[in-house]
């Protein structure tokens, strides 16, 4: 377990205390939200299957792709050249 030292301005601390918020619980909730992107986890095998399926769709020409307009393609090419 790690320890986090948190400095809070006195006025903010008083406001939090007056509202009866549990600072430790709020921080734990916040940190859990940071580490979870909201998408359900998948197994390694499922990920490999999805990639293999996508590659097969690409190779067979059955994939549906969003067209990129020529102006955007040129902007990207110019940007890459400028790097």
PDB file of N, CA and C in Angstrom:
ATOM      1  N   UNK A   1       0.848  -1.174   0.000  1.00  0.00           N
ATOM      2  CA  UNK A   1       0.000   0.000   0.000  1.00  0.00           C
ATOM      3  C   UNK A   1       0.894   1.238   0.000  1.00  0.00           C
ATOM      4  N   UNK A   2       0.453   2.270  -0.708  1.00  0.00           N
ATOM      5  CA  UNK A   2       1.197   3.519  -0.803  1.00  0.00           C
ATOM      6  C   UNK A   2       0.472   4.605  -0.006  1.00  0.00           C
ATOM      7  N   UNK A   3       1.222   5.579   0.448  1.00  0.00           N
ATOM      8  CA  UNK A   3       0.659   6.718   1.166  1.00  0.00           C
ATOM      9  C   UNK A   3       0.730   7.942   0.266  1.00  0.00           C
ATOM     10  N   UNK A   4      -0.369   8.680   0.211  1.00  0.00           N
ATOM     11  CA  UNK A   4      -0.418   9.917  -0.564  1.00  0.00           C
ATOM     12  C   UNK A   4      -0.588  11.072   0.406  1.00  0.00           C
ATOM     13  N   UNK A   5       0.278  12.064   0.296  1.00  0.00           N
ATOM     14  CA  UNK A   5       0.152  13.263   1.125  1.00  0.00           C
ATOM     15  C   UNK A   5      -0.581  14.308   0.288  1.00  0.00           C
ATOM     16  N   UNK A   6      -1.628  14.857   0.849  1.00  0.00           N
ATOM     17  CA  UNK A   6      -2.467  15.805   0.130  1.00  0.00           C
ATOM     18  C   UNK A   6      -2.529  17.116   0.901  1.00  0.00           C
ATOM     19  N   UNK A   7      -2.227  18.204   0.213  1.00  0.00           N
ATOM     20  CA  UNK A   7      -2.323  19.517   0.836  1.00  0.00           C
ATOM     21  C   UNK A   7      -3.572  20.213   0.312  1.00  0.00           C
ATOM     22  N   UNK A   8      -4.429  20.608   1.232  1.00  0.00           N
ATOM     23  CA  UNK A   8      -5.694  21.265   0.878  1.00  0.00           C
ATOM     24  C   UNK A   8      -5.746  22.605   1.596  1.00  0.00           C
ATOM     25  N   UNK A   9      -6.140  23.636   0.862  1.00  0.00           N
ATOM     26  CA  UNK A   9      -6.280  24.959   1.487  1.00  0.00           C
ATOM     27  C   UNK A   9      -7.291  24.873   2.622  1.00  0.00           C
ATOM     28  N   UNK A  10      -7.031  25.644   3.661  1.00  0.00           N
ATOM     29  CA  UNK A  10      -7.879  25.604   4.854  1.00  0.00           C
ATOM     30  C   UNK A  10      -9.354  25.835   4.534  1.00  0.00           C
ATOM     31  N   UNK A  11      -9.635  26.807   3.679  1.00  0.00           N
ATOM     32  CA  UNK A  11     -11.031  27.126   3.378  1.00  0.00           C
ATOM     33  C   UNK A  11     -11.724  25.965   2.655  1.00  0.00           C
ATOM     34  N   UNK A  12     -11.001  25.307   1.762  1.00  0.00           N
ATOM     35  CA  UNK A  12     -11.575  24.163   1.054  1.00  0.00           C
ATOM     36  C   UNK A  12     -11.798  23.000   2.021  1.00  0.00           C
ATOM     37  N   UNK A  13     -10.829  22.780   2.914  1.00  0.00           N
ATOM     38  CA  UNK A  13     -10.963  21.706   3.891  1.00  0.00           C
ATOM     39  C   UNK A  13     -12.191  21.932   4.767  1.00  0.00           C
ATOM     40  N   UNK A  14     -12.378  23.164   5.204  1.00  0.00           N
ATOM     41  CA  UNK A  14     -13.532  23.484   6.050  1.00  0.00           C
ATOM     42  C   UNK A  14     -14.835  23.227   5.311  1.00  0.00           C
ATOM     43  N   UNK A  15     -14.884  23.600   4.034  1.00  0.00           N
ATOM     44  CA  UNK A  15     -16.089  23.373   3.232  1.00  0.00           C
ATOM     45  C   UNK A  15     -16.377  21.878   3.113  1.00  0.00           C
ATOM     46  N   UNK A  16     -15.336  21.093   2.842  1.00  0.00           N
ATOM     47  CA  UNK A  16     -15.498  19.642   2.722  1.00  0.00           C
ATOM     48  C   UNK A  16     -15.980  19.053   4.046  1.00  0.00           C
ATOM     49  N   UNK A  17     -15.375  19.494   5.127  1.00  0.00           N
ATOM     50  CA  UNK A  17     -15.740  18.990   6.456  1.00  0.00           C
ATOM     51  C   UNK A  17     -17.183  19.353   6.801  1.00  0.00           C
ATOM     52  N   UNK A  18     -17.587  20.597   6.488  1.00  0.00           N
ATOM     53  CA  UNK A  18     -18.951  21.045   6.775  1.00  0.00           C
ATOM     54  C   UNK A  18     -19.980  20.224   6.002  1.00  0.00           C
ATOM     55  N   UNK A  19     -19.612  19.779   4.796  1.00  0.00           N
ATOM     56  CA  UNK A  19     -20.539  18.990   3.983  1.00  0.00           C
ATOM     57  C   UNK A  19     -20.570  17.519   4.399  1.00  0.00           C
ATOM     58  N   UNK A  20     -19.678  17.147   5.319  1.00  0.00           N
ATOM     59  CA  UNK A  20     -19.667  15.776   5.815  1.00  0.00           C
ATOM     60  C   UNK A  20     -19.107  14.767   4.833  1.00  0.00           C
ATOM     61  N   UNK A  21     -18.288  15.244   3.877  1.00  0.00           N
ATOM     62  CA  UNK A  21     -17.708  14.328   2.898  1.00  0.00           C
ATOM     63  C   UNK A  21     -16.557  13.543   3.503  1.00  0.00           C
ATOM     64  N   UNK A  22     -16.456  12.284   3.136  1.00  0.00           N
ATOM     65  CA  UNK A  22     -15.355  11.442   3.560  1.00  0.00           C
ATOM     66  C   UNK A  22     -14.243  11.593   2.513  1.00  0.00           C
ATOM     67  N   UNK A  23     -13.229  12.391   2.834  1.00  0.00           N
ATOM     68  CA  UNK A  23     -12.170  12.705   1.872  1.00  0.00           C
ATOM     69  C   UNK A  23     -11.489  11.438   1.370  1.00  0.00           C
ATOM     70  N   UNK A  24     -11.163  10.525   2.277  1.00  0.00           N
ATOM     71  CA  UNK A  24     -10.485   9.289   1.881  1.00  0.00           C
ATOM     72  C   UNK A  24     -11.326   8.507   0.875  1.00  0.00           C
ATOM     73  N   UNK A  25     -12.608   8.360   1.151  1.00  0.00           N
ATOM     74  CA  UNK A  25     -13.495   7.612   0.247  1.00  0.00           C
ATOM     75  C   UNK A  25     -13.623   8.324  -1.097  1.00  0.00           C
ATOM     76  N   UNK A  26     -13.719   9.644  -1.083  1.00  0.00           N
ATOM     77  CA  UNK A  26     -13.828  10.407  -2.326  1.00  0.00           C
ATOM     78  C   UNK A  26     -12.568  10.237  -3.182  1.00  0.00           C
ATOM     79  N   UNK A  27     -11.410  10.250  -2.542  1.00  0.00           N
ATOM     80  CA  UNK A  27     -10.156  10.085  -3.283  1.00  0.00           C
ATOM     81  C   UNK A  27     -10.062   8.677  -3.853  1.00  0.00           C
ATOM     82  N   UNK A  28     -10.450   7.673  -3.085  1.00  0.00           N
ATOM     83  CA  UNK A  28     -10.431   6.289  -3.584  1.00  0.00           C
ATOM     84  C   UNK A  28     -11.350   6.163  -4.794  1.00  0.00           C
ATOM     85  N   UNK A  29     -12.539   6.738  -4.715  1.00  0.00           N
ATOM     86  CA  UNK A  29     -13.476   6.705  -5.843  1.00  0.00           C
ATOM     87  C   UNK A  29     -12.881   7.399  -7.063  1.00  0.00           C
ATOM     88  N   UNK A  30     -12.267   8.558  -6.851  1.00  0.00           N
ATOM     89  CA  UNK A  30     -11.639   9.306  -7.937  1.00  0.00           C
ATOM     90  C   UNK A  30     -10.535   8.495  -8.600  1.00  0.00           C
ATOM     91  N   UNK A  31      -9.665   7.878  -7.788  1.00  0.00           N
ATOM     92  CA  UNK A  31      -8.562   7.095  -8.343  1.00  0.00           C
ATOM     93  C   UNK A  31      -9.071   5.868  -9.093  1.00  0.00           C
ATOM     94  N   UNK A  32     -10.127   5.242  -8.598  1.00  0.00           N
ATOM     95  CA  UNK A  32     -10.709   4.100  -9.316  1.00  0.00           C
ATOM     96  C   UNK A  32     -11.268   4.522 -10.666  1.00  0.00           C
ATOM     97  N   UNK A  33     -11.864   5.688 -10.723  1.00  0.00           N
ATOM     98  CA  UNK A  33     -12.390   6.186 -11.999  1.00  0.00           C
ATOM     99  C   UNK A  33     -11.258   6.483 -12.985  1.00  0.00           C
ATOM    100  N   UNK A  34     -10.129   6.962 -12.475  1.00  0.00           N
ATOM    101  CA  UNK A  34      -8.986   7.227 -13.350  1.00  0.00           C
ATOM    102  C   UNK A  34      -8.457   5.955 -13.991  1.00  0.00           C
ATOM    103  N   UNK A  35      -8.482   4.869 -13.237  1.00  0.00           N
ATOM    104  CA  UNK A  35      -7.899   3.624 -13.734  1.00  0.00           C
ATOM    105  C   UNK A  35      -8.882   2.781 -14.528  1.00  0.00           C
ATOM    106  N   UNK A  36     -10.134   3.186 -14.628  1.00  0.00           N
ATOM    107  CA  UNK A  36     -11.148   2.422 -15.356  1.00  0.00           C
ATOM    108  C   UNK A  36     -11.685   3.278 -16.496  1.00  0.00           C
ATOM    109  N   UNK A  37     -11.516   2.794 -17.735  1.00  0.00           N
ATOM    110  CA  UNK A  37     -11.969   3.569 -18.891  1.00  0.00           C
ATOM    111  C   UNK A  37     -13.453   3.388 -19.185  1.00  0.00           C
ATOM    112  N   UNK A  38     -14.125   2.561 -18.395  1.00  0.00           N
ATOM    113  CA  UNK A  38     -15.562   2.383 -18.581  1.00  0.00           C
ATOM    114  C   UNK A  38     -15.929   1.258 -19.524  1.00  0.00           C
ATOM    115  N   UNK A  39     -14.951   0.717 -20.224  1.00  0.00           N
ATOM    116  CA  UNK A  39     -15.230  -0.392 -21.131  1.00  0.00           C
ATOM    117  C   UNK A  39     -14.998  -1.708 -20.405  1.00  0.00           C
ATOM    118  N   UNK A  40     -15.860  -2.698 -20.659  1.00  0.00           N
ATOM    119  CA  UNK A  40     -15.656  -3.990 -19.998  1.00  0.00           C
ATOM    120  C   UNK A  40     -14.366  -4.647 -20.499  1.00  0.00           C
ATOM    121  N   UNK A  41     -13.706  -5.356 -19.611  1.00  0.00           N
ATOM    122  CA  UNK A  41     -12.467  -6.038 -19.975  1.00  0.00           C
ATOM    123  C   UNK A  41     -12.767  -7.228 -20.875  1.00  0.00           C
ATOM    124  N   UNK A  42     -11.797  -7.553 -21.730  1.00  0.00           N
ATOM    125  CA  UNK A  42     -11.903  -8.757 -22.547  1.00  0.00           C
ATOM    126  C   UNK A  42     -10.645  -9.591 -22.310  1.00  0.00           C
ATOM    127  N   UNK A  43     -10.747 -10.858 -22.617  1.00  0.00           N
ATOM    128  CA  UNK A  43      -9.602 -11.746 -22.427  1.00  0.00           C
ATOM    129  C   UNK A  43      -8.597 -11.543 -23.559  1.00  0.00           C
ATOM    130  N   UNK A  44      -7.399 -12.034 -23.337  1.00  0.00           N
ATOM    131  CA  UNK A  44      -6.358 -11.965 -24.368  1.00  0.00           C
ATOM    132  C   UNK A  44      -6.816 -12.725 -25.610  1.00  0.00           C
ATOM    133  N   UNK A  45      -7.439 -13.879 -25.411  1.00  0.00           N
ATOM    134  CA  UNK A  45      -7.926 -14.666 -26.551  1.00  0.00           C
ATOM    135  C   UNK A  45      -8.984 -13.915 -27.349  1.00  0.00           C
ATOM    136  N   UNK A  46      -9.877 -13.215 -26.651  1.00  0.00           N
ATOM    137  CA  UNK A  46     -10.904 -12.427 -27.344  1.00  0.00           C
ATOM    138  C   UNK A  46     -10.262 -11.285 -28.121  1.00  0.00           C
ATOM    139  N   UNK A  47      -9.267 -10.643 -27.540  1.00  0.00           N
ATOM    140  CA  UNK A  47      -8.570  -9.558 -28.241  1.00  0.00           C
ATOM    141  C   UNK A  47      -7.882 -10.081 -29.498  1.00  0.00           C
ATOM    142  N   UNK A  48      -7.204 -11.226 -29.382  1.00  0.00           N
ATOM    143  CA  UNK A  48      -6.539 -11.827 -30.546  1.00  0.00           C
ATOM    144  C   UNK A  48      -7.547 -12.187 -31.622  1.00  0.00           C
ATOM    145  N   UNK A  49      -8.714 -12.707 -31.213  1.00  0.00           N
ATOM    146  CA  UNK A  49      -9.762 -13.064 -32.176  1.00  0.00           C
ATOM    147  C   UNK A  49     -10.265 -11.815 -32.901  1.00  0.00           C
ATOM    148  N   UNK A  50     -10.485 -10.734 -32.165  1.00  0.00           N
ATOM    149  CA  UNK A  50     -10.974  -9.502 -32.795  1.00  0.00           C
ATOM    150  C   UNK A  50      -9.963  -8.958 -33.809  1.00  0.00           C
ATOM    151  N   UNK A  51      -8.684  -9.004 -33.460  1.00  0.00           N
ATOM    152  CA  UNK A  51      -7.649  -8.528 -34.385  1.00  0.00           C
ATOM    153  C   UNK A  51      -7.599  -9.431 -35.612  1.00  0.00           C
ATOM    154  N   UNK A  52      -7.622 -10.744 -35.402  1.00  0.00           N
ATOM    155  CA  UNK A  52      -7.587 -11.686 -36.525  1.00  0.00           C
ATOM    156  C   UNK A  52      -8.789 -11.474 -37.440  1.00  0.00           C
ATOM    157  N   UNK A  53      -9.967 -11.258 -36.850  1.00  0.00           N
ATOM    158  CA  UNK A  53     -11.168 -11.004 -37.657  1.00  0.00           C
ATOM    159  C   UNK A  53     -11.028  -9.715 -38.464  1.00  0.00           C
ATOM    160  N   UNK A  54     -10.467  -8.678 -37.842  1.00  0.00           N
ATOM    161  CA  UNK A  54     -10.275  -7.406 -38.543  1.00  0.00           C
ATOM    162  C   UNK A  54      -9.284  -7.555 -39.690  1.00  0.00           C
ATOM    163  N   UNK A  55      -8.210  -8.296 -39.464  1.00  0.00           N
ATOM    164  CA  UNK A  55      -7.224  -8.532 -40.522  1.00  0.00           C
ATOM    165  C   UNK A  55      -7.875  -9.301 -41.670  1.00  0.00           C
ATOM    166  N   UNK A  56      -8.678 -10.292 -41.348  1.00  0.00           N
ATOM    167  CA  UNK A  56      -9.357 -11.078 -42.389  1.00  0.00           C
ATOM    168  C   UNK A  56     -10.324 -10.214 -43.195  1.00  0.00           C
ATOM    169  N   UNK A  57     -11.061  -9.335 -42.520  1.00  0.00           N
ATOM    170  CA  UNK A  57     -11.960  -8.422 -43.242  1.00  0.00           C
ATOM    171  C   UNK A  57     -11.171  -7.513 -44.175  1.00  0.00           C
ATOM    172  N   UNK A  58     -10.005  -7.048 -43.714  1.00  0.00           N
ATOM    173  CA  UNK A  58      -9.166  -6.179 -44.545  1.00  0.00           C
ATOM    174  C   UNK A  58      -8.644  -6.937 -45.759  1.00  0.00           C
ATOM    175  N   UNK A  59      -8.122  -8.128 -45.521  1.00  0.00           N
ATOM    176  CA  UNK A  59      -7.554  -8.933 -46.623  1.00  0.00           C
ATOM    177  C   UNK A  59      -8.605  -9.352 -47.640  1.00  0.00           C
ATOM    178  N   UNK A  60      -9.798  -9.658 -47.170  1.00  0.00           N
ATOM    179  CA  UNK A  60     -10.853 -10.112 -48.089  1.00  0.00           C
ATOM    180  C   UNK A  60     -11.594  -8.951 -48.737  1.00  0.00           C
ATOM    181  N   UNK A  61     -11.331  -7.736 -48.259  1.00  0.00           N
ATOM    182  CA  UNK A  61     -11.998  -6.572 -48.846  1.00  0.00           C
ATOM    183  C   UNK A  61     -13.433  -6.406 -48.392  1.00  0.00           C
ATOM    184  N   UNK A  62     -13.817  -7.071 -47.312  1.00  0.00           N
ATOM    185  CA  UNK A  62     -15.191  -6.978 -46.834  1.00  0.00           C
ATOM    186  C   UNK A  62     -15.358  -5.973 -45.694  1.00  0.00           C
ATOM    187  N   UNK A  63     -14.268  -5.338 -45.297  1.00  0.00           N
ATOM    188  CA  UNK A  63     -14.347  -4.357 -44.213  1.00  0.00           C
ATOM    189  C   UNK A  63     -15.033  -3.085 -44.669  1.00  0.00           C
ATOM    190  N   UNK A  64     -15.657  -2.400 -43.746  1.00  0.00           N
ATOM    191  CA  UNK A  64     -16.296  -1.113 -44.036  1.00  0.00           C
ATOM    192  C   UNK A  64     -15.461  -0.048 -43.331  1.00  0.00           C
ATOM    193  N   UNK A  65     -14.980   0.905 -44.101  1.00  0.00           N
ATOM    194  CA  UNK A  65     -14.076   1.912 -43.563  1.00  0.00           C
ATOM    195  C   UNK A  65     -14.637   3.298 -43.806  1.00  0.00           C
ATOM    196  N   UNK A  66     -14.311   4.197 -42.911  1.00  0.00           N
ATOM    197  CA  UNK A  66     -14.750   5.580 -43.048  1.00  0.00           C
ATOM    198  C   UNK A  66     -13.810   6.288 -44.017  1.00  0.00           C
ATOM    199  N   UNK A  67     -14.363   6.873 -45.078  1.00  0.00           N
ATOM    200  CA  UNK A  67     -13.485   7.560 -46.012  1.00  0.00           C
ATOM    201  C   UNK A  67     -12.887   8.825 -45.387  1.00  0.00           C
ATOM    202  N   UNK A  68     -11.656   9.101 -45.733  1.00  0.00           N
ATOM    203  CA  UNK A  68     -10.979  10.304 -45.266  1.00  0.00           C
ATOM    204  C   UNK A  68     -10.920  11.258 -46.454  1.00  0.00           C
ATOM    205  N   UNK A  69     -11.368  12.496 -46.237  1.00  0.00           N
ATOM    206  CA  UNK A  69     -11.373  13.423 -47.362  1.00  0.00           C
ATOM    207  C   UNK A  69      -9.944  13.831 -47.742  1.00  0.00           C
ATOM    208  N   UNK A  70      -9.787  14.234 -48.990  1.00  0.00           N
ATOM    209  CA  UNK A  70      -8.468  14.546 -49.533  1.00  0.00           C
ATOM    210  C   UNK A  70      -7.802  15.714 -48.800  1.00  0.00           C
ATOM    211  N   UNK A  71      -8.581  16.698 -48.379  1.00  0.00           N
ATOM    212  CA  UNK A  71      -8.016  17.845 -47.665  1.00  0.00           C
ATOM    213  C   UNK A  71      -7.345  17.374 -46.371  1.00  0.00           C
ATOM    214  N   UNK A  72      -8.017  16.498 -45.640  1.00  0.00           N
ATOM    215  CA  UNK A  72      -7.456  15.984 -44.393  1.00  0.00           C
ATOM    216  C   UNK A  72      -6.190  15.177 -44.678  1.00  0.00           C
ATOM    217  N   UNK A  73      -6.229  14.353 -45.724  1.00  0.00           N
ATOM    218  CA  UNK A  73      -5.049  13.570 -46.074  1.00  0.00           C
ATOM    219  C   UNK A  73      -3.864  14.484 -46.376  1.00  0.00           C
ATOM    220  N   UNK A  74      -4.099  15.572 -47.085  1.00  0.00           N
ATOM    221  CA  UNK A  74      -3.030  16.499 -47.420  1.00  0.00           C
ATOM    222  C   UNK A  74      -2.508  17.201 -46.170  1.00  0.00           C
ATOM    223  N   UNK A  75      -3.421  17.604 -45.281  1.00  0.00           N
ATOM    224  CA  UNK A  75      -2.997  18.236 -44.035  1.00  0.00           C
ATOM    225  C   UNK A  75      -2.116  17.289 -43.227  1.00  0.00           C
ATOM    226  N   UNK A  76      -2.480  16.032 -43.158  1.00  0.00           N
ATOM    227  CA  UNK A  76      -1.685  15.051 -42.417  1.00  0.00           C
ATOM    228  C   UNK A  76      -0.339  14.830 -43.077  1.00  0.00           C
ATOM    229  N   UNK A  77      -0.313  14.737 -44.405  1.00  0.00           N
ATOM    230  CA  UNK A  77       0.951  14.560 -45.120  1.00  0.00           C
ATOM    231  C   UNK A  77       1.868  15.755 -44.884  1.00  0.00           C
ATOM    232  N   UNK A  78       1.307  16.957 -44.936  1.00  0.00           N
ATOM    233  CA  UNK A  78       2.099  18.167 -44.687  1.00  0.00           C
ATOM    234  C   UNK A  78       2.642  18.180 -43.262  1.00  0.00           C
ATOM    235  N   UNK A  79       1.795  17.769 -42.318  1.00  0.00           N
ATOM    236  CA  UNK A  79       2.220  17.731 -40.918  1.00  0.00           C
ATOM    237  C   UNK A  79       3.365  16.743 -40.732  1.00  0.00           C
ATOM    238  N   UNK A  80       3.242  15.568 -41.307  1.00  0.00           N
ATOM    239  CA  UNK A  80       4.283  14.550 -41.179  1.00  0.00           C
ATOM    240  C   UNK A  80       5.595  15.041 -41.807  1.00  0.00           C
ATOM    241  N   UNK A  81       5.510  15.714 -42.921  1.00  0.00           N
ATOM    242  CA  UNK A  81       6.705  16.265 -43.562  1.00  0.00           C
ATOM    243  C   UNK A  81       7.374  17.326 -42.692  1.00  0.00           C
ATOM    244  N   UNK A  82       6.560  18.060 -41.925  1.00  0.00           N
ATOM    245  CA  UNK A  82       7.126  19.146 -41.111  1.00  0.00           C
ATOM    246  C   UNK A  82       7.847  18.651 -39.860  1.00  0.00           C
ATOM    247  N   UNK A  83       7.636  17.406 -39.519  1.00  0.00           N
ATOM    248  CA  UNK A  83       8.253  16.856 -38.304  1.00  0.00           C
ATOM    249  C   UNK A  83       9.729  16.576 -38.529  1.00  0.00           C
TER     250      UNK A  83
END
